[in-house]
C-alpha atoms as a PDB file:
ATOM      1  CA  UNK A   1      12.106  29.411  14.584  1.00  0.00           C
ATOM      2  CA  UNK A   2      12.579  26.187  16.835  1.00  0.00           C
ATOM      3  CA  UNK A   3       9.275  24.672  17.900  1.00  0.00           C
ATOM      4  CA  UNK A   4       8.795  23.476  21.711  1.00  0.00           C
ATOM      5  CA  UNK A   5       7.949  19.391  21.940  1.00  0.00           C
ATOM      6  CA  UNK A   6       4.535  20.260  22.881  1.00  0.00           C
ATOM      7  CA  UNK A   7       3.870  22.065  19.869  1.00  0.00           C
ATOM      8  CA  UNK A   8       5.918  20.148  17.463  1.00  0.00           C
ATOM      9  CA  UNK A   9       3.576  17.262  19.402  1.00  0.00           C
ATOM     10  CA  UNK A  10       0.400  19.239  18.664  1.00  0.00           C
ATOM     11  CA  UNK A  11       1.488  19.821  15.218  1.00  0.00           C
ATOM     12  CA  UNK A  12       2.008  16.274  14.622  1.00  0.00           C
ATOM     13  CA  UNK A  13      -1.180  14.789  16.027  1.00  0.00           C
ATOM     14  CA  UNK A  14      -3.411  17.581  13.641  1.00  0.00           C
ATOM     15  CA  UNK A  15      -1.262  15.990  10.828  1.00  0.00           C
ATOM     16  CA  UNK A  16      -2.376  12.336  11.806  1.00  0.00           C
ATOM     17  CA  UNK A  17      -5.619  13.166  11.225  1.00  0.00           C
ATOM     18  CA  UNK A  18      -5.909  14.800   7.826  1.00  0.00           C
ATOM     19  CA  UNK A  19      -4.171  12.580   6.603  1.00  0.00           C
ATOM     20  CA  UNK A  20      -6.065   9.896   8.265  1.00  0.00           C
ATOM     21  CA  UNK A  21      -9.802  11.502   6.625  1.00  0.00           C
ATOM     22  CA  UNK A  22      -7.789  11.581   2.888  1.00  0.00           C
ATOM     23  CA  UNK A  23      -6.604   8.145   3.428  1.00  0.00           C
ATOM     24  CA  UNK A  24     -10.205   7.382   4.664  1.00  0.00           C
ATOM     25  CA  UNK A  25     -11.591   9.090   1.254  1.00  0.00           C
ATOM     26  CA  UNK A  26      -8.751   7.346  -0.564  1.00  0.00           C
ATOM     27  CA  UNK A  27      -9.906   4.018   0.121  1.00  0.00           C
ATOM     28  CA  UNK A  28     -13.521   4.545  -0.045  1.00  0.00           C
ATOM     29  CA  UNK A  29     -13.344   5.868  -3.514  1.00  0.00           C
ATOM     30  CA  UNK A  30     -10.965   2.808  -4.187  1.00  0.00           C
ATOM     31  CA  UNK A  31     -13.711   0.868  -3.736  1.00  0.00           C
ATOM     32  CA  UNK A  32     -16.538   3.216  -5.756  1.00  0.00           C
ATOM     33  CA  UNK A  33     -14.117   2.571  -8.843  1.00  0.00           C
ATOM     34  CA  UNK A  34     -14.641   0.012 -10.959  1.00  0.00           C
ATOM     35  CA  UNK A  35     -11.442  -2.709 -11.841  1.00  0.00           C
ATOM     36  CA  UNK A  36     -10.896  -0.686 -15.261  1.00  0.00           C
ATOM     37  CA  UNK A  37     -10.891   2.881 -14.819  1.00  0.00           C
ATOM     38  CA  UNK A  38      -7.549   4.040 -15.573  1.00  0.00           C
ATOM     39  CA  UNK A  39      -7.680   6.788 -12.348  1.00  0.00           C
ATOM     40  CA  UNK A  40      -7.984   3.559 -10.318  1.00  0.00           C
ATOM     41  CA  UNK A  41      -4.273   2.850 -10.040  1.00  0.00           C
ATOM     42  CA  UNK A  42      -3.951   6.438  -9.238  1.00  0.00           C
ATOM     43  CA  UNK A  43      -6.702   6.528  -5.894  1.00  0.00           C
ATOM     44  CA  UNK A  44      -4.676   3.208  -4.920  1.00  0.00           C
ATOM     45  CA  UNK A  45      -1.245   6.006  -5.590  1.00  0.00           C
ATOM     46  CA  UNK A  46      -2.594   7.589  -3.119  1.00  0.00           C
ATOM     47  CA  UNK A  47      -3.550   5.638  -0.633  1.00  0.00           C
ATOM     48  CA  UNK A  48       0.423   4.422  -0.114  1.00  0.00           C
ATOM     49  CA  UNK A  49       1.490   8.117   0.478  1.00  0.00           C
ATOM     50  CA  UNK A  50      -0.541   8.350   3.061  1.00  0.00           C
ATOM     51  CA  UNK A  51       1.437   5.488   4.646  1.00  0.00           C
ATOM     52  CA  UNK A  52       4.214   6.873   4.026  1.00  0.00           C
ATOM     53  CA  UNK A  53       4.039  10.639   5.367  1.00  0.00           C
ATOM     54  CA  UNK A  54       2.545   8.430   8.660  1.00  0.00           C
ATOM     55  CA  UNK A  55       5.862   7.318   8.481  1.00  0.00           C
ATOM     56  CA  UNK A  56       7.783  10.580   7.992  1.00  0.00           C
ATOM     57  CA  UNK A  57       5.613  11.973  10.830  1.00  0.00           C
ATOM     58  CA  UNK A  58       5.729   9.124  13.384  1.00  0.00           C
ATOM     59  CA  UNK A  59      10.265  10.151  12.835  1.00  0.00           C
ATOM     60  CA  UNK A  60       9.405  13.766  13.588  1.00  0.00           C
ATOM     61  CA  UNK A  61       7.596  12.619  16.971  1.00  0.00           C
ATOM     62  CA  UNK A  62      11.205  10.269  16.950  1.00  0.00           C
ATOM     63  CA  UNK A  63       8.478   6.985  17.372  1.00  0.00           C
ATOM     64  CA  UNK A  64       9.809   4.261  15.152  1.00  0.00           C
ATOM     65  CA  UNK A  65       7.144   2.403  16.999  1.00  0.00           C
ATOM     66  CA  UNK A  66       8.865  -0.575  18.329  1.00  0.00           C
ATOM     67  CA  UNK A  67       7.382   0.151  21.347  1.00  0.00           C
ATOM     68  CA  UNK A  68       6.283  -2.477  23.384  1.00  0.00           C
ATOM     69  CA  UNK A  69       2.673  -1.512  23.939  1.00  0.00           C
ATOM     70  CA  UNK A  70       2.142  -2.515  19.792  1.00  0.00           C
ATOM     71  CA  UNK A  71       0.428  -5.349  18.985  1.00  0.00           C
ATOM     72  CA  UNK A  72      -1.363  -6.067  15.639  1.00  0.00           C
ATOM     73  CA  UNK A  73      -2.475  -9.339  14.112  1.00  0.00           C
ATOM     74  CA  UNK A  74       0.217 -10.042  10.752  1.00  0.00           C
ATOM     75  CA  UNK A  75      -2.558 -12.404   9.168  1.00  0.00           C
ATOM     76  CA  UNK A  76      -5.442 -10.022   9.149  1.00  0.00           C
ATOM     77  CA  UNK A  77      -3.717  -6.521   7.939  1.00  0.00           C
ATOM     78  CA  UNK A  78      -1.869  -8.489   5.283  1.00  0.00           C
ATOM     79  CA  UNK A  79      -5.337  -9.913   4.276  1.00  0.00           C
ATOM     80  CA  UNK A  80      -6.518  -6.746   4.147  1.00  0.00           C
ATOM     81  CA  UNK A  81      -3.735  -5.817   1.548  1.00  0.00           C
ATOM     82  CA  UNK A  82      -5.998  -6.758  -1.391  1.00  0.00           C
ATOM     83  CA  UNK A  83      -7.840  -4.807  -1.944  1.00  0.00           C
ATOM     84  CA  UNK A  84      -4.968  -2.244  -2.687  1.00  0.00           C
ATOM     85  CA  UNK A  85      -2.749  -4.605  -4.512  1.00  0.00           C
ATOM     86  CA  UNK A  86      -5.313  -5.436  -6.845  1.00  0.00           C
ATOM     87  CA  UNK A  87      -5.730  -1.809  -7.859  1.00  0.00           C
ATOM     88  CA  UNK A  88      -1.661  -1.463  -8.243  1.00  0.00           C
ATOM     89  CA  UNK A  89      -0.819  -4.759 -10.002  1.00  0.00           C
ATOM     90  CA  UNK A  90      -0.703  -4.918 -13.238  1.00  0.00           C
ATOM     91  CA  UNK A  91      -3.851  -7.551 -13.850  1.00  0.00           C
ATOM     92  CA  UNK A  92      -1.355  -9.449 -15.906  1.00  0.00           C
ATOM     93  CA  UNK A  93       0.306 -10.682 -12.466  1.00  0.00           C
ATOM     94  CA  UNK A  94      -1.392 -13.758 -10.658  1.00  0.00           C
ATOM     95  CA  UNK A  95      -1.316 -12.284  -7.469  1.00  0.00           C
ATOM     96  CA  UNK A  96      -1.507 -15.326  -4.578  1.00  0.00           C
ATOM     97  CA  UNK A  97      -2.299 -14.112  -0.894  1.00  0.00           C
ATOM     98  CA  UNK A  98      -1.804 -16.636   2.246  1.00  0.00           C
ATOM     99  CA  UNK A  99      -1.689 -16.403   5.263  1.00  0.00           C
ATOM    100  CA  UNK A 100      -0.699 -19.125   7.754  1.00  0.00           C
ATOM    101  CA  UNK A 101       1.428 -17.481  10.799  1.00  0.00           C
ATOM    102  CA  UNK A 102      -1.138 -19.291  13.436  1.00  0.00           C
ATOM    103  CA  UNK A 103      -2.985 -15.836  14.716  1.00  0.00           C
ATOM    104  CA  UNK A 104       1.372 -14.837  14.883  1.00  0.00           C
ATOM    105  CA  UNK A 105       0.560 -11.104  17.130  1.00  0.00           C
ATOM    106  CA  UNK A 106       3.456  -8.413  16.081  1.00  0.00           C
ATOM    107  CA  UNK A 107       5.610  -5.442  17.388  1.00  0.00           C
ATOM    108  CA  UNK A 108       4.507  -2.828  14.732  1.00  0.00           C
ATOM    109  CA  UNK A 109       2.073  -1.075  14.078  1.00  0.00           C
ATOM    110  CA  UNK A 110      -0.303  -1.586  11.139  1.00  0.00           C
ATOM    111  CA  UNK A 111       0.688   0.838   9.210  1.00  0.00           C
ATOM    112  CA  UNK A 112       4.561  -0.580   9.550  1.00  0.00           C
ATOM    113  CA  UNK A 113       2.893  -3.945   7.953  1.00  0.00           C
ATOM    114  CA  UNK A 114       1.418  -2.651   4.982  1.00  0.00           C
ATOM    115  CA  UNK A 115       4.742  -0.627   4.169  1.00  0.00           C
ATOM    116  CA  UNK A 116       7.173  -3.766   4.249  1.00  0.00           C
ATOM    117  CA  UNK A 117       4.016  -5.087   2.008  1.00  0.00           C
ATOM    118  CA  UNK A 118       4.325  -2.402  -0.374  1.00  0.00           C
ATOM    119  CA  UNK A 119       7.988  -1.610  -0.332  1.00  0.00           C
ATOM    120  CA  UNK A 120       8.344  -5.294  -1.661  1.00  0.00           C
ATOM    121  CA  UNK A 121       5.531  -6.070  -4.128  1.00  0.00           C
ATOM    122  CA  UNK A 122       6.296  -3.297  -5.336  1.00  0.00           C
ATOM    123  CA  UNK A 123       9.814  -3.864  -6.167  1.00  0.00           C
ATOM    124  CA  UNK A 124       8.812  -7.000  -7.262  1.00  0.00           C
ATOM    125  CA  UNK A 125       6.654  -5.447  -9.562  1.00  0.00           C
ATOM    126  CA  UNK A 126       8.846  -3.542 -11.206  1.00  0.00           C
ATOM    127  CA  UNK A 127      11.104  -6.607 -11.696  1.00  0.00           C
ATOM    128  CA  UNK A 128       8.705  -8.148 -13.800  1.00  0.00           C
ATOM    129  CA  UNK A 129       9.086  -5.651 -17.099  1.00  0.00           C
ATOM    130  CA  UNK A 130       6.811  -7.759 -18.611  1.00  0.00           C
ATOM    131  CA  UNK A 131       4.259  -7.407 -16.660  1.00  0.00           C
ATOM    132  CA  UNK A 132       3.016 -10.676 -16.265  1.00  0.00           C
ATOM    133  CA  UNK A 133       4.054 -13.510 -13.858  1.00  0.00           C
ATOM    134  CA  UNK A 134       3.216 -14.716 -10.617  1.00  0.00           C
ATOM    135  CA  UNK A 135       3.431 -12.737  -7.179  1.00  0.00           C
ATOM    136  CA  UNK A 136       3.259 -14.294  -4.134  1.00  0.00           C
ATOM    137  CA  UNK A 137       2.550 -13.022  -0.281  1.00  0.00           C
ATOM    138  CA  UNK A 138       2.489 -15.458   2.327  1.00  0.00           C
ATOM    139  CA  UNK A 139       2.861 -15.000   5.962  1.00  0.00           C
ATOM    140  CA  UNK A 140       3.895 -17.705   8.431  1.00  0.00           C
ATOM    141  CA  UNK A 141       5.516 -18.600  12.333  1.00  0.00           C
ATOM    142  CA  UNK A 142       9.038 -21.286  12.243  1.00  0.00           C
ATOM    143  CA  UNK A 143       9.529 -20.228  15.410  1.00  0.00           C
ATOM    144  CA  UNK A 144       6.793 -18.642  18.644  1.00  0.00           C
ATOM    145  CA  UNK A 145       9.341 -16.273  18.842  1.00  0.00           C
ATOM    146  CA  UNK A 146       9.403 -15.015  15.115  1.00  0.00           C
ATOM    147  CA  UNK A 147       6.635 -14.288  12.625  1.00  0.00           C
ATOM    148  CA  UNK A 148       7.466 -13.520   8.767  1.00  0.00           C
ATOM    149  CA  UNK A 149       6.118 -11.999   5.600  1.00  0.00           C
ATOM    150  CA  UNK A 150       7.432 -13.961   2.662  1.00  0.00           C
ATOM    151  CA  UNK A 151       7.389 -12.243  -0.824  1.00  0.00           C
ATOM    152  CA  UNK A 152       8.351 -13.891  -3.690  1.00  0.00           C
ATOM    153  CA  UNK A 153       7.986 -13.225  -7.967  1.00  0.00           C
ATOM    154  CA  UNK A 154       9.186 -14.993 -10.845  1.00  0.00           C
ATOM    155  CA  UNK A 155      10.793 -12.368 -12.111  1.00  0.00           C
ATOM    156  CA  UNK A 156      14.805 -12.412 -13.193  1.00  0.00           C
ATOM    157  CA  UNK A 157      15.960 -12.580 -10.007  1.00  0.00           C
ATOM    158  CA  UNK A 158      19.335 -11.151  -8.654  1.00  0.00           C
ATOM    159  CA  UNK A 159      22.973 -12.175  -9.315  1.00  0.00           C
ATOM    160  CA  UNK A 160      25.465 -13.244  -7.412  1.00  0.00           C
ATOM    161  CA  UNK A 161      26.662  -9.803  -7.344  1.00  0.00           C
ATOM    162  CA  UNK A 162      23.512  -8.063  -7.542  1.00  0.00           C
ATOM    163  CA  UNK A 163      23.029  -9.465  -4.246  1.00  0.00           C
ATOM    164  CA  UNK A 164      26.187  -8.207  -2.423  1.00  0.00           C
ATOM    165  CA  UNK A 165      25.044  -4.464  -2.821  1.00  0.00           C
ATOM    166  CA  UNK A 166      20.995  -4.665  -2.139  1.00  0.00           C
ATOM    167  CA  UNK A 167      21.331  -3.208   1.491  1.00  0.00           C
ATOM    168  CA  UNK A 168      23.332   0.027  -0.243  1.00  0.00           C
ATOM    169  CA  UNK A 169      21.080   3.227  -0.791  1.00  0.00           C
ATOM    170  CA  UNK A 170      21.571   3.857  -3.931  1.00  0.00           C
ATOM    171  CA  UNK A 171      21.769   0.904  -5.786  1.00  0.00           C
ATOM    172  CA  UNK A 172      19.525  -0.273  -8.064  1.00  0.00           C
ATOM    173  CA  UNK A 173      18.939  -2.967 -10.386  1.00  0.00           C
ATOM    174  CA  UNK A 174      16.122  -0.773 -12.157  1.00  0.00           C
ATOM    175  CA  UNK A 175      18.855   1.306 -14.519  1.00  0.00           C
ATOM    176  CA  UNK A 176      17.297   4.589 -14.185  1.00  0.00           C
ATOM    177  CA  UNK A 177      13.981   3.561 -13.452  1.00  0.00           C
ATOM    178  CA  UNK A 178      14.879   3.151  -9.687  1.00  0.00           C
ATOM    179  CA  UNK A 179      15.827   5.523  -6.775  1.00  0.00           C
ATOM    180  CA  UNK A 180      18.442   2.559  -4.882  1.00  0.00           C
ATOM    181  CA  UNK A 181      16.002   3.298  -1.853  1.00  0.00           C
ATOM    182  CA  UNK A 182      14.154   0.127  -1.528  1.00  0.00           C
ATOM    183  CA  UNK A 183      15.569  -2.652   0.489  1.00  0.00           C
ATOM    184  CA  UNK A 184      17.874   0.486   2.370  1.00  0.00           C
ATOM    185  CA  UNK A 185      14.890   2.411   3.439  1.00  0.00           C
ATOM    186  CA  UNK A 186      13.546  -0.836   4.635  1.00  0.00           C
ATOM    187  CA  UNK A 187      15.991  -2.372   6.273  1.00  0.00           C
ATOM    188  CA  UNK A 188      16.223   0.586   9.880  1.00  0.00           C
ATOM    189  CA  UNK A 189      12.620  -0.003  10.670  1.00  0.00           C
ATOM    190  CA  UNK A 190      12.773  -3.187  10.522  1.00  0.00           C
ATOM    191  CA  UNK A 191      15.885  -3.785  12.107  1.00  0.00           C
ATOM    192  CA  UNK A 192      14.983  -1.592  14.843  1.00  0.00           C
ATOM    193  CA  UNK A 193      12.115  -3.414  15.584  1.00  0.00           C
ATOM    194  CA  UNK A 194      14.501  -6.783  16.382  1.00  0.00           C
ATOM    195  CA  UNK A 195      13.067  -8.358  12.443  1.00  0.00           C
ATOM    196  CA  UNK A 196      15.816  -9.230   9.897  1.00  0.00           C
ATOM    197  CA  UNK A 197      15.684  -8.847   6.432  1.00  0.00           C
ATOM    198  CA  UNK A 198      17.216 -12.325   3.800  1.00  0.00           C
ATOM    199  CA  UNK A 199      17.114 -12.722   0.294  1.00  0.00           C
ATOM    200  CA  UNK A 200      17.695 -15.629  -1.163  1.00  0.00           C
ATOM    201  CA  UNK A 201      17.621 -15.544  -5.318  1.00  0.00           C
ATOM    202  CA  UNK A 202      19.210 -16.798  -8.377  1.00  0.00           C
ATOM    203  CA  UNK A 203      19.501 -15.187 -11.609  1.00  0.00           C
ATOM    204  CA  UNK A 204      16.936 -16.115 -13.818  1.00  0.00           C
ATOM    205  CA  UNK A 205      14.818 -18.025 -11.302  1.00  0.00           C
ATOM    206  CA  UNK A 206      13.037 -14.395  -9.627  1.00  0.00           C
ATOM    207  CA  UNK A 207      13.376 -13.627  -6.000  1.00  0.00           C
ATOM    208  CA  UNK A 208      12.321 -14.463  -2.640  1.00  0.00           C
ATOM    209  CA  UNK A 209      12.380 -11.369   0.037  1.00  0.00           C
ATOM    210  CA  UNK A 210      11.837 -13.257   3.880  1.00  0.00           C
ATOM    211  CA  UNK A 211      11.067 -10.281   6.853  1.00  0.00           C
ATOM    212  CA  UNK A 212      11.235 -11.846  10.291  1.00  0.00           C
ATOM    213  CA  UNK A 213       9.730 -10.109  13.234  1.00  0.00           C
ATOM    214  CA  UNK A 214       9.615 -10.974  16.867  1.00  0.00           C
ATOM    215  CA  UNK A 215       6.456 -11.929  17.587  1.00  0.00           C
ATOM    216  CA  UNK A 216       4.464  -9.759  20.567  1.00  0.00           C
ATOM    217  CA  UNK A 217       2.327 -10.777  23.208  1.00  0.00           C
ATOM    218  CA  UNK A 218      -1.128  -8.663  23.048  1.00  0.00           C
ATOM    219  CA  UNK A 219      -1.800  -7.568  26.111  1.00  0.00           C
ATOM    220  CA  UNK A 220      -5.225  -6.673  27.262  1.00  0.00           C
ATOM    221  CA  UNK A 221      -5.684  -3.526  30.006  1.00  0.00           C
ATOM    222  CA  UNK A 222      -6.957  -4.771  33.682  1.00  0.00           C
ATOM    223  CA  UNK A 223      -9.451  -2.556  32.981  1.00  0.00           C
ATOM    224  CA  UNK A 224     -11.362  -3.318  30.012  1.00  0.00           C
ATOM    225  CA  UNK A 225     -10.944  -6.895  30.567  1.00  0.00           C
ATOM    226  CA  UNK A 226     -14.264  -8.241  30.753  1.00  0.00           C
ATOM    227  CA  UNK A 227     -15.480 -10.685  34.235  1.00  0.00           C
ATOM    228  CA  UNK A 228     -14.984 -14.089  34.241  1.00  0.00           C
END
Protein backbone atom coordinates (compact mmCIF):
# COMPACT_ATOMS: atom_id res chain seq x y z
CA UNK A 1 0.00 0.00 0.00
CA UNK A 2 1.39 3.37 -1.01
CA UNK A 3 1.01 6.09 1.60
CA UNK A 4 0.07 9.62 0.66
CA UNK A 5 2.58 12.39 1.51
CA UNK A 6 0.17 13.72 4.13
CA UNK A 7 -0.13 10.31 5.82
CA UNK A 8 3.63 9.82 5.75
CA UNK A 9 4.23 13.22 7.34
CA UNK A 10 1.70 12.38 10.05
CA UNK A 11 3.43 9.08 10.79
CA UNK A 12 6.92 10.59 10.94
CA UNK A 13 5.60 13.41 13.15
CA UNK A 14 4.27 10.84 15.63
CA UNK A 15 7.53 8.88 15.42
CA UNK A 16 9.51 12.00 16.29
CA UNK A 17 7.30 12.66 19.29
CA UNK A 18 7.74 9.10 20.56
CA UNK A 19 11.50 9.17 20.01
CA UNK A 20 11.75 12.50 21.80
CA UNK A 21 10.06 10.92 24.82
CA UNK A 22 12.38 7.89 24.70
CA UNK A 23 15.40 10.16 24.37
CA UNK A 24 14.31 12.32 27.27
CA UNK A 25 13.72 9.37 29.60
CA UNK A 26 17.06 7.80 28.63
CA UNK A 27 18.92 11.04 29.37
CA UNK A 28 17.15 11.37 32.73
CA UNK A 29 18.07 7.76 33.55
CA UNK A 30 21.67 8.46 32.58
CA UNK A 31 21.86 11.33 35.05
CA UNK A 32 20.64 9.10 37.87
CA UNK A 33 23.08 6.23 37.32
CA UNK A 34 26.49 6.26 38.98
CA UNK A 35 29.60 6.08 36.75
CA UNK A 36 30.41 2.64 38.20
CA UNK A 37 27.05 1.08 37.30
CA UNK A 38 27.48 -1.33 34.34
CA UNK A 39 24.01 -0.40 33.02
CA UNK A 40 25.24 3.16 32.38
CA UNK A 41 26.79 2.32 29.00
CA UNK A 42 23.61 0.49 27.88
CA UNK A 43 21.54 3.61 28.62
CA UNK A 44 24.05 5.78 26.80
CA UNK A 45 23.83 3.55 23.74
CA UNK A 46 20.03 3.95 23.80
CA UNK A 47 20.59 7.71 23.52
CA UNK A 48 22.95 7.14 20.58
CA UNK A 49 20.40 4.93 18.80
CA UNK A 50 17.71 7.61 19.07
CA UNK A 51 20.02 10.05 17.25
CA UNK A 52 20.38 7.52 14.42
CA UNK A 53 16.62 6.99 14.25
CA UNK A 54 15.99 10.72 14.00
CA UNK A 55 18.35 10.76 11.01
CA UNK A 56 16.41 7.93 9.36
CA UNK A 57 13.12 9.74 9.88
CA UNK A 58 14.63 12.82 8.22
CA UNK A 59 15.53 10.65 5.23
CA UNK A 60 11.97 9.35 5.01
CA UNK A 61 10.75 12.94 5.03
CA UNK A 62 13.33 13.94 2.46
CA UNK A 63 14.71 16.46 4.93
CA UNK A 64 18.50 16.49 5.16
CA UNK A 65 18.51 19.28 7.70
CA UNK A 66 20.35 21.65 5.41
CA UNK A 67 17.64 24.28 5.16
CA UNK A 68 18.79 27.84 5.57
CA UNK A 69 16.36 28.32 8.47
CA UNK A 70 18.49 26.05 10.67
CA UNK A 71 21.14 27.80 12.77
CA UNK A 72 22.63 26.06 15.80
CA UNK A 73 25.35 27.34 18.11
CA UNK A 74 28.25 24.95 17.67
CA UNK A 75 30.16 25.27 20.96
CA UNK A 76 27.27 24.63 23.40
CA UNK A 77 26.07 21.72 21.23
CA UNK A 78 29.45 20.00 21.45
CA UNK A 79 30.10 20.87 25.11
CA UNK A 80 26.69 19.47 26.13
CA UNK A 81 27.79 16.01 24.98
CA UNK A 82 30.27 15.62 27.83
CA UNK A 83 27.99 13.52 30.06
CA UNK A 84 27.06 11.16 27.22
CA UNK A 85 30.69 10.73 26.17
CA UNK A 86 31.76 10.05 29.75
CA UNK A 87 29.25 7.19 29.82
CA UNK A 88 30.26 5.77 26.44
CA UNK A 89 34.02 5.88 26.75
CA UNK A 90 36.20 3.77 29.07
CA UNK A 91 37.40 5.53 32.19
CA UNK A 92 40.99 4.74 31.20
CA UNK A 93 40.57 7.14 28.29
CA UNK A 94 41.35 10.79 28.91
CA UNK A 95 38.67 12.96 27.24
CA UNK A 96 39.51 16.57 26.46
CA UNK A 97 36.81 18.93 25.15
CA UNK A 98 37.80 22.46 24.15
CA UNK A 99 35.31 24.69 22.34
CA UNK A 100 36.61 27.83 20.66
CA UNK A 101 34.55 28.60 17.55
CA UNK A 102 34.01 32.22 18.61
CA UNK A 103 30.24 31.85 18.92
CA UNK A 104 29.80 30.31 15.47
CA UNK A 105 26.41 29.11 14.31
CA UNK A 106 26.22 26.31 11.74
CA UNK A 107 23.36 25.45 9.40
CA UNK A 108 22.60 21.93 10.61
CA UNK A 109 20.37 20.58 13.40
CA UNK A 110 21.83 19.92 16.84
CA UNK A 111 21.21 16.20 16.40
CA UNK A 112 23.35 16.26 13.27
CA UNK A 113 26.23 17.80 15.24
CA UNK A 114 25.80 15.08 17.83
CA UNK A 115 25.80 12.42 15.13
CA UNK A 116 29.06 13.75 13.68
CA UNK A 117 30.80 13.85 17.06
CA UNK A 118 29.56 10.40 18.11
CA UNK A 119 30.65 8.84 14.82
CA UNK A 120 34.18 10.22 15.14
CA UNK A 121 34.50 9.56 18.87
CA UNK A 122 33.30 5.95 18.72
CA UNK A 123 35.64 5.25 15.80
CA UNK A 124 38.52 6.68 17.82
CA UNK A 125 37.51 4.66 20.89
CA UNK A 126 37.53 1.45 18.86
CA UNK A 127 40.94 2.32 17.40
CA UNK A 128 42.49 2.58 20.87
CA UNK A 129 42.13 -1.12 21.58
CA UNK A 130 43.96 -1.09 24.91
CA UNK A 131 41.41 1.38 26.29
CA UNK A 132 44.00 4.00 27.18
CA UNK A 133 45.19 7.23 25.64
CA UNK A 134 43.80 10.67 24.99
CA UNK A 135 40.81 11.64 22.88
CA UNK A 136 40.48 15.32 22.08
CA UNK A 137 37.36 17.06 20.75
CA UNK A 138 37.81 20.67 19.69
CA UNK A 139 35.97 23.35 17.79
CA UNK A 140 37.47 26.38 16.10
CA UNK A 141 36.69 28.98 13.48
CA UNK A 142 39.46 29.38 10.89
CA UNK A 143 37.42 31.95 8.95
CA UNK A 144 34.14 33.86 9.13
CA UNK A 145 32.56 31.37 6.71
CA UNK A 146 33.76 28.14 8.35
CA UNK A 147 33.62 26.44 11.74
CA UNK A 148 35.25 23.11 12.49
CA UNK A 149 34.86 20.05 14.69
CA UNK A 150 38.24 18.39 15.23
CA UNK A 151 38.57 14.95 16.84
CA UNK A 152 42.06 13.60 17.58
CA UNK A 153 43.19 10.39 19.22
CA UNK A 154 46.47 8.82 20.31
CA UNK A 155 45.66 5.45 18.73
CA UNK A 156 47.61 3.57 16.06
CA UNK A 157 46.68 5.96 13.24
CA UNK A 158 46.16 4.95 9.61
CA UNK A 159 48.58 3.61 7.08
CA UNK A 160 49.02 5.41 3.75
CA UNK A 161 47.03 2.66 2.06
CA UNK A 162 44.17 2.90 4.58
CA UNK A 163 43.93 6.68 4.10
CA UNK A 164 43.18 6.11 0.41
CA UNK A 165 40.13 3.94 1.20
CA UNK A 166 38.62 5.52 4.34
CA UNK A 167 35.59 6.91 2.51
CA UNK A 168 34.68 3.66 0.75
CA UNK A 169 31.62 1.82 2.09
CA UNK A 170 32.61 -1.50 3.56
CA UNK A 171 36.26 -0.60 4.14
CA UNK A 172 37.38 -1.07 7.74
CA UNK A 173 40.62 -1.24 9.68
CA UNK A 174 38.90 -3.07 12.57
CA UNK A 175 38.73 -6.57 11.09
CA UNK A 176 35.52 -8.35 12.05
CA UNK A 177 34.74 -5.67 14.68
CA UNK A 178 33.76 -3.01 12.16
CA UNK A 179 31.20 -2.49 9.41
CA UNK A 180 33.29 -0.09 7.35
CA UNK A 181 30.45 2.43 7.33
CA UNK A 182 32.01 5.09 9.58
CA UNK A 183 33.35 8.01 7.54
CA UNK A 184 31.66 6.67 4.40
CA UNK A 185 28.25 6.98 6.07
CA UNK A 186 29.08 10.35 7.62
CA UNK A 187 30.36 12.02 4.44
CA UNK A 188 26.96 12.50 2.71
CA UNK A 189 25.54 14.33 5.73
CA UNK A 190 28.52 16.68 5.94
CA UNK A 191 28.85 17.25 2.21
CA UNK A 192 25.07 17.74 1.92
CA UNK A 193 25.35 21.00 3.87
CA UNK A 194 28.44 22.17 2.00
CA UNK A 195 30.97 20.81 4.49
CA UNK A 196 34.11 18.72 4.11
CA UNK A 197 35.94 15.96 6.01
CA UNK A 198 39.73 15.73 6.16
CA UNK A 199 41.84 13.05 7.82
CA UNK A 200 45.39 13.68 9.02
CA UNK A 201 47.20 10.60 10.26
CA UNK A 202 50.54 8.84 10.36
CA UNK A 203 50.72 5.14 11.22
CA UNK A 204 51.69 4.75 14.87
CA UNK A 205 51.08 8.42 15.69
CA UNK A 206 47.32 8.71 16.11
CA UNK A 207 44.74 10.34 13.86
CA UNK A 208 42.91 13.65 13.51
CA UNK A 209 39.61 14.07 11.67
CA UNK A 210 38.55 17.59 10.76
CA UNK A 211 34.93 18.31 9.86
CA UNK A 212 34.53 21.78 8.34
CA UNK A 213 31.03 23.26 8.26
CA UNK A 214 29.76 26.48 6.71
CA UNK A 215 28.66 29.02 9.29
CA UNK A 216 25.08 30.25 9.31
CA UNK A 217 23.45 33.48 10.34
CA UNK A 218 20.98 33.35 13.19
CA UNK A 219 17.91 35.15 11.87
CA UNK A 220 15.38 36.24 14.49
CA UNK A 221 11.81 36.41 13.11
CA UNK A 222 10.35 39.91 13.11
CA UNK A 223 7.52 38.89 15.44
CA UNK A 224 10.04 37.58 18.02
CA UNK A 225 12.19 40.71 18.17
CA UNK A 226 12.16 42.91 21.24
CA UNK A 227 11.46 46.55 20.35
CA UNK A 228 14.60 48.65 20.79
